[in-house]
Amino acid sequence: MQTKPRFLVLGATAKTGRRVAEKLIKMGHDVRAVSRCTDIAFDWTKPETWDAALTDIDAVYVTFQPDLAVPGSDETIAAFAKLALTKGAKRMVMLSGRGEDAAHRAEDALHQSGVEATVLRANWFFQNFSEDLFLPYIQQGTLALPAGDIPEPFIDTDDIADCAIACLLDDQHIGQTYELSGPQAMTFADVTKVLGDASNRKIDFIPITLDQMDEGMKADGVPDDFRSLIRYLFTEVLDGRNSTPTNDVERILGRKPNSLQNYAQSVAKTGLWSIAKSA
């Protein structure tokens, strides 16, 4: 890799991609951040867009849409990595989901492709409560999910971005698969209490069934494929398999991951959760 590598960041408007791009640029690196709506567009479903994105690139941060667990993602990743190698992009760090057994085929495809690969498997994000997904419900004061009492060591996407950058820049991470988590496992009910305490308002967690959640998503016009993915995440993944925190963030960065409490205090200062939206 060159002294000053040129980076391609996929998912430039998404939670981790945006942060990886911003941090690399702040560090003085040459970055091409792409998505379906950027000037140089990138779309996983349109391989004809890949060539321009990969031109004059040395290393890539890979996020896949909608999820690596979907059928066929392994073939897509293999094809992308093959093209990347022909274009000279030899280094790749790919975000995956912790505990997503169905994503392992895509991870294996990347490791076996010939690129200098690192895979980062991550737990659920803190930012799901402040940037999308659960934000409207937190603002309304009620979060209803089929989560039960299963604890999850939620993680800050800034920590994921920092890990991704470290893996892009340091060859010691080539060939590794890391499991990234926050420092403490908490139930969704625990999380809503922390968010409520930080924002000085009451936020209730209500356990519901998977079918009730699915009916609500359908009524809200959520596409069938995304609903299927959410059902998968709340059944096969959120079953306790990821409840034990890991030390991989500290292994990579030499520091402990951010806590939910620190994240909540930071977001609460913006007033984001104090806005009570009408249903």
Protein backbone atom coordinates (compact mmCIF):
# COMPACT_ATOMS: atom_id res chain seq x y z
CA MET A 1 0.00 0.00 0.00
CA GLN A 2 1.21 3.52 -0.73
CA THR A 3 2.48 5.87 1.96
CA LYS A 4 -0.71 7.84 1.45
CA PRO A 5 -3.35 5.32 0.37
CA ARG A 6 -6.50 6.36 -1.43
CA PHE A 7 -9.63 5.15 0.35
CA LEU A 8 -13.06 4.20 -0.94
CA VAL A 9 -15.80 4.32 1.69
CA LEU A 10 -19.08 2.59 0.83
CA GLY A 11 -22.31 3.62 2.50
CA ALA A 12 -21.19 7.23 2.80
CA THR A 13 -24.50 8.40 4.24
CA ALA A 14 -24.93 5.48 6.67
CA LYS A 15 -23.95 5.42 10.34
CA THR A 16 -20.48 3.89 10.13
CA GLY A 17 -19.55 4.86 6.57
CA ARG A 18 -20.16 8.55 7.23
CA ARG A 19 -18.00 8.44 10.33
CA VAL A 20 -15.18 6.48 8.67
CA ALA A 21 -15.07 8.99 5.79
CA GLU A 22 -15.15 12.04 8.07
CA LYS A 23 -12.43 10.70 10.35
CA LEU A 24 -10.14 9.70 7.46
CA ILE A 25 -10.55 13.13 5.84
CA LYS A 26 -9.80 14.83 9.16
CA MET A 27 -6.61 12.74 9.34
CA GLY A 28 -5.60 14.14 5.94
CA HIS A 29 -6.31 11.10 3.78
CA ASP A 30 -7.63 11.02 0.23
CA VAL A 31 -11.17 9.67 0.49
CA ARG A 32 -13.89 8.85 -2.03
CA ALA A 33 -17.15 8.42 -0.11
CA VAL A 34 -19.95 6.93 -2.19
CA SER A 35 -23.56 5.86 -1.99
CA ARG A 36 -26.42 5.55 -4.45
CA CYS A 37 -26.92 9.33 -4.45
CA THR A 38 -23.33 10.63 -4.67
CA ASP A 39 -21.79 12.12 -7.82
CA ILE A 40 -19.91 8.88 -8.36
CA ALA A 41 -22.80 6.60 -7.53
CA PHE A 42 -22.42 3.14 -6.03
CA ASP A 43 -25.18 0.55 -5.91
CA TRP A 44 -24.70 -3.08 -4.88
CA THR A 45 -27.53 -4.10 -7.21
CA LYS A 46 -25.86 -2.38 -10.19
CA PRO A 47 -22.37 -3.82 -10.77
CA GLU A 48 -21.88 -1.36 -13.61
CA THR A 49 -21.44 1.34 -10.92
CA TRP A 50 -18.56 -0.46 -9.19
CA ASP A 51 -15.82 0.27 -11.73
CA ALA A 52 -15.88 4.06 -11.42
CA ALA A 53 -16.01 3.89 -7.63
CA LEU A 54 -12.93 1.63 -7.53
CA THR A 55 -10.81 3.61 -9.98
CA ASP A 56 -7.54 4.84 -8.42
CA ILE A 57 -8.33 3.30 -5.02
CA ASP A 58 -6.01 1.34 -2.70
CA ALA A 59 -8.26 0.34 0.19
CA VAL A 60 -12.00 0.00 0.79
CA TYR A 61 -14.32 0.18 3.79
CA VAL A 62 -17.19 -2.15 2.91
CA THR A 63 -20.74 -1.97 4.18
CA PHE A 64 -23.36 -4.06 2.43
CA GLN A 65 -27.03 -3.30 1.87
CA PRO A 66 -29.43 -4.49 3.03
CA ASP A 67 -27.46 -7.03 5.09
CA LEU A 68 -24.76 -9.67 4.57
CA ALA A 69 -27.21 -12.28 5.84
CA VAL A 70 -29.38 -12.03 2.71
CA PRO A 71 -29.04 -14.86 0.16
CA GLY A 72 -26.55 -14.14 -2.61
CA SER A 73 -24.48 -11.61 -0.67
CA ASP A 74 -21.48 -13.95 -0.75
CA GLU A 75 -21.51 -14.02 -4.55
CA THR A 76 -21.82 -10.24 -4.70
CA ILE A 77 -18.94 -9.71 -2.26
CA ALA A 78 -16.76 -12.18 -4.19
CA ALA A 79 -17.47 -10.39 -7.48
CA PHE A 80 -16.76 -6.97 -5.95
CA ALA A 81 -13.49 -8.15 -4.39
CA LYS A 82 -12.38 -9.69 -7.70
CA LEU A 83 -13.00 -6.42 -9.52
CA ALA A 84 -11.29 -4.46 -6.76
CA LEU A 85 -8.14 -6.55 -7.12
CA THR A 86 -8.03 -5.98 -10.87
CA LYS A 87 -8.34 -2.23 -10.22
CA GLY A 88 -5.54 -2.26 -7.64
CA ALA A 89 -7.58 -2.05 -4.44
CA LYS A 90 -5.96 -4.75 -2.33
CA ARG A 91 -7.07 -3.87 1.20
CA MET A 92 -10.63 -4.25 2.51
CA VAL A 93 -12.28 -3.90 5.90
CA MET A 94 -15.88 -5.13 5.94
CA LEU A 95 -18.60 -4.51 8.52
CA SER A 96 -20.66 -7.55 9.44
CA GLY A 97 -23.14 -8.42 12.16
CA ARG A 98 -22.13 -10.21 15.32
CA GLY A 99 -23.96 -13.52 15.69
CA GLU A 100 -25.30 -13.47 12.13
CA ASP A 101 -24.45 -17.00 11.05
CA ALA A 102 -26.03 -16.36 7.65
CA ALA A 103 -23.43 -13.64 7.04
CA HIS A 104 -20.49 -16.03 7.43
CA ARG A 105 -20.65 -17.08 3.78
CA ALA A 106 -20.06 -13.49 2.69
CA GLU A 107 -17.27 -13.08 5.24
CA ASP A 108 -15.61 -16.24 3.96
CA ALA A 109 -15.98 -15.00 0.39
CA LEU A 110 -14.06 -11.86 1.28
CA HIS A 111 -11.31 -13.71 3.17
CA GLN A 112 -10.90 -16.17 0.29
CA SER A 113 -10.97 -13.54 -2.46
CA GLY A 114 -7.29 -12.68 -2.36
CA VAL A 115 -7.69 -9.19 -0.91
CA GLU A 116 -6.06 -8.19 2.38
CA ALA A 117 -9.26 -8.61 4.38
CA THR A 118 -10.47 -7.79 7.87
CA VAL A 119 -14.01 -8.43 9.08
CA LEU A 120 -15.62 -6.45 11.90
CA ARG A 121 -18.67 -8.13 13.41
CA ALA A 122 -20.59 -5.61 15.49
CA ASN A 123 -23.42 -5.64 18.01
CA TRP A 124 -26.49 -3.37 17.78
CA PHE A 125 -25.60 0.34 17.55
CA PHE A 126 -26.22 3.06 20.15
CA GLN A 127 -27.13 5.33 17.24
CA ASN A 128 -30.22 3.25 16.40
CA PHE A 129 -31.80 5.26 19.21
CA SER A 130 -30.72 8.68 17.95
CA GLU A 131 -30.37 8.64 14.16
CA ASP A 132 -33.17 6.45 12.82
CA LEU A 133 -34.95 3.14 13.42
CA PHE A 134 -35.96 3.63 17.08
CA LEU A 135 -35.63 7.45 17.27
CA PRO A 136 -39.30 8.33 16.58
CA TYR A 137 -40.43 5.95 19.33
CA ILE A 138 -37.92 7.32 21.83
CA GLN A 139 -39.19 10.84 21.04
CA GLN A 140 -42.78 9.68 21.52
CA GLY A 141 -41.84 8.16 24.87
CA THR A 142 -42.66 4.50 24.14
CA LEU A 143 -40.48 1.82 22.60
CA ALA A 144 -42.33 -1.43 21.88
CA LEU A 145 -40.23 -4.36 20.67
CA PRO A 146 -40.19 -8.18 20.81
CA ALA A 147 -36.92 -8.06 22.74
CA GLY A 148 -37.90 -9.51 26.11
CA ASP A 149 -35.15 -9.75 28.71
CA ILE A 150 -32.28 -10.59 26.35
CA PRO A 151 -29.29 -8.32 27.12
CA GLU A 152 -27.20 -6.84 24.32
CA PRO A 153 -23.81 -5.07 24.64
CA PHE A 154 -24.78 -2.17 22.36
CA ILE A 155 -21.86 -0.33 20.73
CA ASP A 156 -21.07 3.23 19.67
CA THR A 157 -20.64 3.58 15.91
CA ASP A 158 -17.76 5.99 16.54
CA ASP A 159 -15.92 3.07 18.13
CA ILE A 160 -16.70 0.92 15.08
CA ALA A 161 -15.40 3.66 12.78
CA ASP A 162 -12.21 4.02 14.81
CA CYS A 163 -11.67 0.25 14.63
CA ALA A 164 -12.28 0.24 10.88
CA ILE A 165 -9.72 2.99 10.33
CA ALA A 166 -7.15 1.23 12.52
CA CYS A 167 -7.66 -1.94 10.49
CA LEU A 168 -7.36 -0.08 7.20
CA LEU A 169 -4.10 1.56 8.24
CA ASP A 170 -2.31 -1.22 10.13
CA ASP A 171 -1.30 -4.45 8.39
CA GLN A 172 -1.35 -6.43 11.66
CA HIS A 173 -5.13 -6.75 11.27
CA ILE A 174 -5.02 -8.46 7.86
CA GLY A 175 -6.82 -11.80 7.90
CA GLN A 176 -8.53 -11.12 11.22
CA THR A 177 -12.20 -11.35 12.16
CA TYR A 178 -13.08 -9.24 15.20
CA GLU A 179 -16.24 -9.14 17.29
CA LEU A 180 -16.98 -5.61 18.45
CA SER A 181 -19.24 -4.82 21.39
CA GLY A 182 -19.83 -2.15 23.97
CA PRO A 183 -18.59 -2.59 27.54
CA GLN A 184 -21.89 -3.64 29.15
CA ALA A 185 -24.81 -5.88 28.17
CA MET A 186 -28.20 -4.27 28.77
CA THR A 187 -31.78 -5.14 27.91
CA PHE A 188 -33.85 -2.78 25.76
CA ALA A 189 -35.77 -1.89 28.92
CA ASP A 190 -32.48 -0.97 30.63
CA VAL A 191 -31.50 1.14 27.64
CA THR A 192 -34.74 3.12 27.55
CA LYS A 193 -34.34 3.91 31.25
CA VAL A 194 -30.80 5.19 30.68
CA LEU A 195 -32.00 7.35 27.78
CA GLY A 196 -34.94 8.64 29.82
CA ASP A 197 -32.78 9.46 32.84
CA ALA A 198 -30.27 11.30 30.66
CA SER A 199 -32.98 13.38 28.96
CA ASN A 200 -34.98 13.87 32.18
CA ARG A 201 -38.17 12.35 30.80
CA LYS A 202 -40.03 9.08 31.06
CA ILE A 203 -39.48 6.60 28.24
CA ASP A 204 -41.32 3.30 28.53
CA PHE A 205 -40.31 -0.02 27.09
CA ILE A 206 -43.21 -2.33 26.19
CA PRO A 207 -42.54 -5.98 25.26
CA ILE A 208 -44.62 -7.14 22.30
CA THR A 209 -44.73 -10.23 20.10
CA LEU A 210 -42.86 -10.56 16.83
CA ASP A 211 -46.16 -10.68 14.94
CA GLN A 212 -47.33 -7.47 16.58
CA MET A 213 -44.13 -5.72 15.52
CA ASP A 214 -44.47 -7.09 11.99
CA GLU A 215 -48.08 -5.90 11.74
CA GLY A 216 -46.98 -2.44 12.87
CA MET A 217 -44.19 -2.29 10.30
CA LYS A 218 -46.57 -3.44 7.58
CA ALA A 219 -49.07 -0.75 8.54
CA ASP A 220 -46.25 1.82 8.38
CA GLY A 221 -45.46 0.72 4.83
CA VAL A 222 -42.14 -0.99 5.60
CA PRO A 223 -41.08 -3.11 2.57
CA ASP A 224 -41.39 -6.88 2.87
CA ASP A 225 -37.64 -7.56 2.49
CA PHE A 226 -36.75 -5.15 5.27
CA ARG A 227 -39.46 -6.59 7.51
CA SER A 228 -38.00 -10.06 6.95
CA LEU A 229 -34.57 -8.79 7.92
CA ILE A 230 -35.90 -7.22 11.13
CA ARG A 231 -37.70 -10.45 12.01
CA TYR A 232 -34.42 -12.32 11.49
CA LEU A 233 -32.52 -9.92 13.74
CA PHE A 234 -35.08 -10.17 16.54
CA THR A 235 -35.26 -13.97 16.45
CA GLU A 236 -32.13 -15.73 15.29
CA VAL A 237 -29.70 -12.98 16.35
CA LEU A 238 -31.28 -11.48 19.48
CA ASP A 239 -31.46 -14.80 21.31
CA GLY A 240 -28.69 -14.30 23.83
CA ARG A 241 -25.80 -15.46 21.63
CA ASN A 242 -24.26 -11.97 21.68
CA SER A 243 -24.92 -11.11 25.32
CA THR A 244 -21.33 -11.44 26.51
CA PRO A 245 -19.24 -8.30 25.84
CA THR A 246 -15.95 -8.77 24.00
CA ASN A 247 -12.60 -7.01 24.40
CA ASP A 248 -11.88 -6.64 20.67
CA VAL A 249 -12.40 -2.86 20.62
CA GLU A 250 -9.72 -2.56 23.29
CA ARG A 251 -7.48 -5.02 21.40
CA ILE A 252 -7.65 -2.88 18.28
CA LEU A 253 -7.66 0.62 19.78
CA GLY A 254 -5.86 0.19 23.10
CA ARG A 255 -8.79 1.76 24.94
CA LYS A 256 -12.17 0.67 26.23
CA PRO A 257 -15.31 1.27 24.13
CA ASN A 258 -17.67 4.12 24.96
CA SER A 259 -20.44 3.41 27.44
CA LEU A 260 -24.15 3.79 26.81
CA GLN A 261 -24.33 6.24 29.71
CA ASN A 262 -21.73 8.56 28.13
CA TYR A 263 -23.48 8.34 24.76
CA ALA A 264 -26.87 9.09 26.35
CA GLN A 265 -25.57 12.14 28.21
CA SER A 266 -24.01 13.47 25.00
CA VAL A 267 -27.17 13.07 22.94
CA ALA A 268 -29.40 14.39 25.72
CA LYS A 269 -27.50 17.68 25.69
CA THR A 270 -28.71 18.25 22.12
CA GLY A 271 -32.37 18.01 23.21
CA LEU A 272 -33.05 15.35 20.59
CA TRP A 273 -34.92 13.02 22.95
CA SER A 274 -36.80 15.85 24.63
CA ILE A 275 -38.86 16.43 21.51
CA ALA A 276 -42.16 14.66 22.04
CA LYS A 277 -43.47 13.85 18.55
CA SER A 278 -47.14 13.18 17.94
CA ALA A 279 -47.96 9.75 16.56
